[in-house]
């Protein structure tokens, strides 16, 4: 088994070897990035097996198109884009993804001053995962992946205002769910004399 030291020179060499279709280099890149990329795919696709299948398909595209990576910017960022695009392709092909038509842009802004200290990251990811698919997709692309509303609109075939509306609604749902969790946590601890 080959040990990869996390130095940019080694990673550049690994990418260069992948461009020459070296199987061991491809295996090493897969081992390096697969855990992060599976987590990314899982944010879009609820089923573990389907998310893994999408990730593997995306890695095949990464290795097939690796010559398109010019070296400017982050290789991991380039791979993430392919993973997101493959996840969106899966959603379009296999899910009844209904992105609502924007009737009005919701101007309500969530209250970020809520106390989140009792909410674990896994709990937050579960809340995001339970959003309706359109809301979840836009929320993941904007809040986690860093896409702009214009980019989201182009990827999903919607308007930028619809993307903004979907994000606002997703945040509103998440805020209400977080408030509910906080209230339940407070009540539980008051009953047990810990509050």
Protein backbone atom coordinates (compact mmCIF):
# COMPACT_ATOMS: atom_id res chain seq x y z
CA UNK A 1 0.00 0.00 0.00
CA UNK A 2 1.37 3.39 -0.99
CA UNK A 3 1.55 6.20 1.59
CA UNK A 4 0.64 9.65 0.29
CA UNK A 5 2.16 12.60 2.13
CA UNK A 6 -0.10 15.65 2.05
CA UNK A 7 2.27 17.92 0.18
CA UNK A 8 1.18 19.83 -2.88
CA UNK A 9 4.16 18.45 -4.85
CA UNK A 10 3.00 14.88 -4.25
CA UNK A 11 -0.55 15.78 -5.16
CA UNK A 12 0.60 17.49 -8.36
CA UNK A 13 2.62 14.40 -9.23
CA UNK A 14 -0.39 12.21 -8.48
CA UNK A 15 -2.60 14.32 -10.76
CA UNK A 16 0.07 14.20 -13.47
CA UNK A 17 0.19 10.39 -13.19
CA UNK A 18 -3.60 10.26 -13.42
CA UNK A 19 -3.40 12.22 -16.67
CA UNK A 20 -1.23 9.35 -17.96
CA UNK A 21 -3.94 6.87 -16.86
CA UNK A 22 -1.81 5.24 -14.13
CA UNK A 23 -4.21 2.99 -12.22
CA UNK A 24 -2.35 3.24 -8.88
CA UNK A 25 -2.45 7.04 -9.05
CA UNK A 26 -6.18 6.91 -9.79
CA UNK A 27 -6.63 4.57 -6.84
CA UNK A 28 -4.65 6.95 -4.60
CA UNK A 29 -6.71 9.98 -5.72
CA UNK A 30 -9.89 8.01 -5.07
CA UNK A 31 -8.70 7.08 -1.54
CA UNK A 32 -7.69 10.70 -0.89
CA UNK A 33 -10.98 12.29 -1.98
CA UNK A 34 -13.70 9.61 -1.74
CA UNK A 35 -14.69 10.19 1.91
CA UNK A 36 -15.27 13.92 1.33
CA UNK A 37 -16.97 13.37 -2.02
CA UNK A 38 -19.31 10.71 -0.63
CA UNK A 39 -20.36 13.19 2.06
CA UNK A 40 -20.99 15.76 -0.67
CA UNK A 41 -23.13 13.34 -2.71
CA UNK A 42 -25.04 12.33 0.44
CA UNK A 43 -26.07 15.95 0.96
CA UNK A 44 -27.97 15.75 -2.32
CA UNK A 45 -29.03 12.09 -2.39
CA UNK A 46 -30.60 10.45 0.68
CA UNK A 47 -29.94 6.83 -0.24
CA UNK A 48 -26.40 5.72 0.70
CA UNK A 49 -26.07 3.20 -2.14
CA UNK A 50 -27.31 5.67 -4.74
CA UNK A 51 -25.00 8.40 -3.40
CA UNK A 52 -22.05 6.01 -3.62
CA UNK A 53 -23.03 5.00 -7.14
CA UNK A 54 -23.22 8.67 -8.18
CA UNK A 55 -19.83 9.32 -6.59
CA UNK A 56 -18.23 6.41 -8.47
CA UNK A 57 -19.75 7.59 -11.76
CA UNK A 58 -18.42 11.08 -11.05
CA UNK A 59 -14.93 9.70 -10.31
CA UNK A 60 -15.00 7.92 -13.67
CA UNK A 61 -15.76 11.30 -15.26
CA UNK A 62 -12.95 12.90 -13.23
CA UNK A 63 -10.44 10.39 -14.60
CA UNK A 64 -11.89 10.58 -18.10
CA UNK A 65 -11.74 14.41 -18.18
CA UNK A 66 -8.65 14.95 -16.03
CA UNK A 67 -6.82 16.52 -18.97
CA UNK A 68 -9.31 19.40 -18.69
CA UNK A 69 -7.89 20.26 -15.26
CA UNK A 70 -5.38 22.97 -16.07
CA UNK A 71 -3.81 23.25 -12.64
CA UNK A 72 -5.22 26.70 -12.00
CA UNK A 73 -7.31 26.54 -8.86
CA UNK A 74 -7.84 23.65 -6.54
CA UNK A 75 -8.00 20.10 -7.91
CA UNK A 76 -10.31 19.17 -5.06
CA UNK A 77 -12.58 22.09 -5.99
CA UNK A 78 -12.61 20.91 -9.61
CA UNK A 79 -13.57 17.39 -8.47
CA UNK A 80 -16.28 18.83 -6.19
CA UNK A 81 -17.88 20.58 -9.18
CA UNK A 82 -18.03 17.30 -11.07
CA UNK A 83 -19.56 15.58 -8.02
CA UNK A 84 -22.21 18.30 -7.65
CA UNK A 85 -23.03 18.19 -11.36
CA UNK A 86 -23.34 14.40 -11.28
CA UNK A 87 -25.58 14.60 -8.19
CA UNK A 88 -27.80 17.15 -9.93
CA UNK A 89 -27.93 14.95 -13.02
CA UNK A 90 -29.06 12.05 -10.84
CA UNK A 91 -31.76 14.19 -9.22
CA UNK A 92 -33.04 15.37 -12.60
CA UNK A 93 -33.15 11.81 -13.97
CA UNK A 94 -34.50 9.97 -10.95
CA UNK A 95 -36.47 12.30 -8.75
CA UNK A 96 -39.61 14.27 -9.20
CA UNK A 97 -37.72 17.47 -8.48
CA UNK A 98 -40.21 20.27 -8.33
CA UNK A 99 -38.52 23.61 -7.99
CA UNK A 100 -41.39 25.94 -7.34
CA UNK A 101 -42.05 28.76 -9.73
CA UNK A 102 -41.24 32.03 -8.01
CA UNK A 103 -44.43 33.92 -7.27
CA UNK A 104 -42.86 36.43 -4.94
CA UNK A 105 -39.47 36.64 -3.35
CA UNK A 106 -39.78 36.11 0.38
CA UNK A 107 -38.11 39.05 2.07
CA UNK A 108 -38.09 37.46 5.48
CA UNK A 109 -34.60 36.93 6.79
CA UNK A 110 -33.94 34.18 9.33
CA UNK A 111 -32.88 35.18 12.81
CA UNK A 112 -29.26 34.09 13.09
CA UNK A 113 -29.04 35.10 16.76
CA UNK A 114 -30.75 31.89 17.90
CA UNK A 115 -28.86 29.71 20.34
CA UNK A 116 -27.49 26.81 18.29
CA UNK A 117 -25.06 25.47 20.89
CA UNK A 118 -27.22 22.40 21.67
CA UNK A 119 -27.59 21.42 18.02
CA UNK A 120 -25.01 18.90 16.84
CA UNK A 121 -23.69 19.00 13.26
CA UNK A 122 -25.28 15.59 12.58
CA UNK A 123 -28.64 16.99 13.69
CA UNK A 124 -28.27 19.94 11.35
CA UNK A 125 -27.34 17.66 8.44
CA UNK A 126 -30.43 15.53 9.16
CA UNK A 127 -32.60 18.65 9.11
CA UNK A 128 -31.10 19.73 5.78
CA UNK A 129 -31.54 16.21 4.42
CA UNK A 130 -35.26 16.29 5.30
CA UNK A 131 -35.95 19.47 3.32
CA UNK A 132 -38.03 19.10 0.14
CA UNK A 133 -35.65 18.17 -2.69
CA UNK A 134 -35.76 21.55 -4.45
CA UNK A 135 -35.08 23.47 -1.24
CA UNK A 136 -32.34 21.03 -0.20
CA UNK A 137 -30.63 21.23 -3.59
CA UNK A 138 -30.56 25.03 -3.67
CA UNK A 139 -29.53 25.24 0.01
CA UNK A 140 -26.63 22.79 -0.53
CA UNK A 141 -25.46 24.53 -3.69
CA UNK A 142 -25.58 28.03 -2.16
CA UNK A 143 -24.76 27.60 1.54
CA UNK A 144 -22.40 24.64 1.37
CA UNK A 145 -20.90 24.54 -2.13
CA UNK A 146 -20.72 28.32 -2.61
CA UNK A 147 -22.55 28.59 -5.93
CA UNK A 148 -24.05 31.98 -6.76
CA UNK A 149 -27.78 32.29 -7.48
CA UNK A 150 -26.93 32.87 -11.13
CA UNK A 151 -24.90 29.64 -11.27
CA UNK A 152 -27.66 27.71 -9.48
CA UNK A 153 -30.23 29.10 -11.91
CA UNK A 154 -28.12 27.96 -14.88
CA UNK A 155 -27.52 24.48 -13.43
CA UNK A 156 -31.16 23.87 -12.52
CA UNK A 157 -32.87 25.72 -15.36
CA UNK A 158 -34.65 28.17 -13.07
CA UNK A 159 -34.50 31.93 -12.55
CA UNK A 160 -32.09 33.51 -10.06
CA UNK A 161 -35.12 34.85 -8.16
CA UNK A 162 -36.53 31.34 -7.87
CA UNK A 163 -33.18 30.21 -6.48
CA UNK A 164 -33.28 33.07 -3.93
CA UNK A 165 -36.85 32.19 -3.01
CA UNK A 166 -36.00 28.48 -2.60
CA UNK A 167 -33.04 29.39 -0.38
CA UNK A 168 -35.14 31.75 1.73
CA UNK A 169 -37.83 29.12 2.20
CA UNK A 170 -35.24 26.45 3.04
CA UNK A 171 -33.69 28.74 5.66
CA UNK A 172 -37.13 29.47 7.09
CA UNK A 173 -37.94 25.77 7.43
CA UNK A 174 -34.53 25.07 8.99
CA UNK A 175 -34.94 27.97 11.40
CA UNK A 176 -38.34 26.69 12.55
CA UNK A 177 -37.00 23.16 12.95
CA UNK A 178 -34.01 24.43 14.95
CA UNK A 179 -36.31 26.47 17.20
CA UNK A 180 -38.44 23.34 17.74
CA UNK A 181 -35.35 21.27 18.59
CA UNK A 182 -34.08 23.96 20.97
CA UNK A 183 -37.47 24.13 22.69
CA UNK A 184 -37.62 20.34 23.05
CA UNK A 185 -34.06 20.29 24.41
CA UNK A 186 -34.86 23.03 26.92
CA UNK A 187 -38.06 21.28 28.07
CA UNK A 188 -36.27 17.94 28.42
CA UNK A 189 -33.53 19.45 30.57
CA UNK A 190 -36.00 21.43 32.73
CA UNK A 191 -37.90 18.19 33.47
CA UNK A 192 -34.66 16.54 34.53
CA UNK A 193 -33.56 19.55 36.62
CA UNK A 194 -30.68 20.44 34.34
CA UNK A 195 -32.05 23.68 32.95
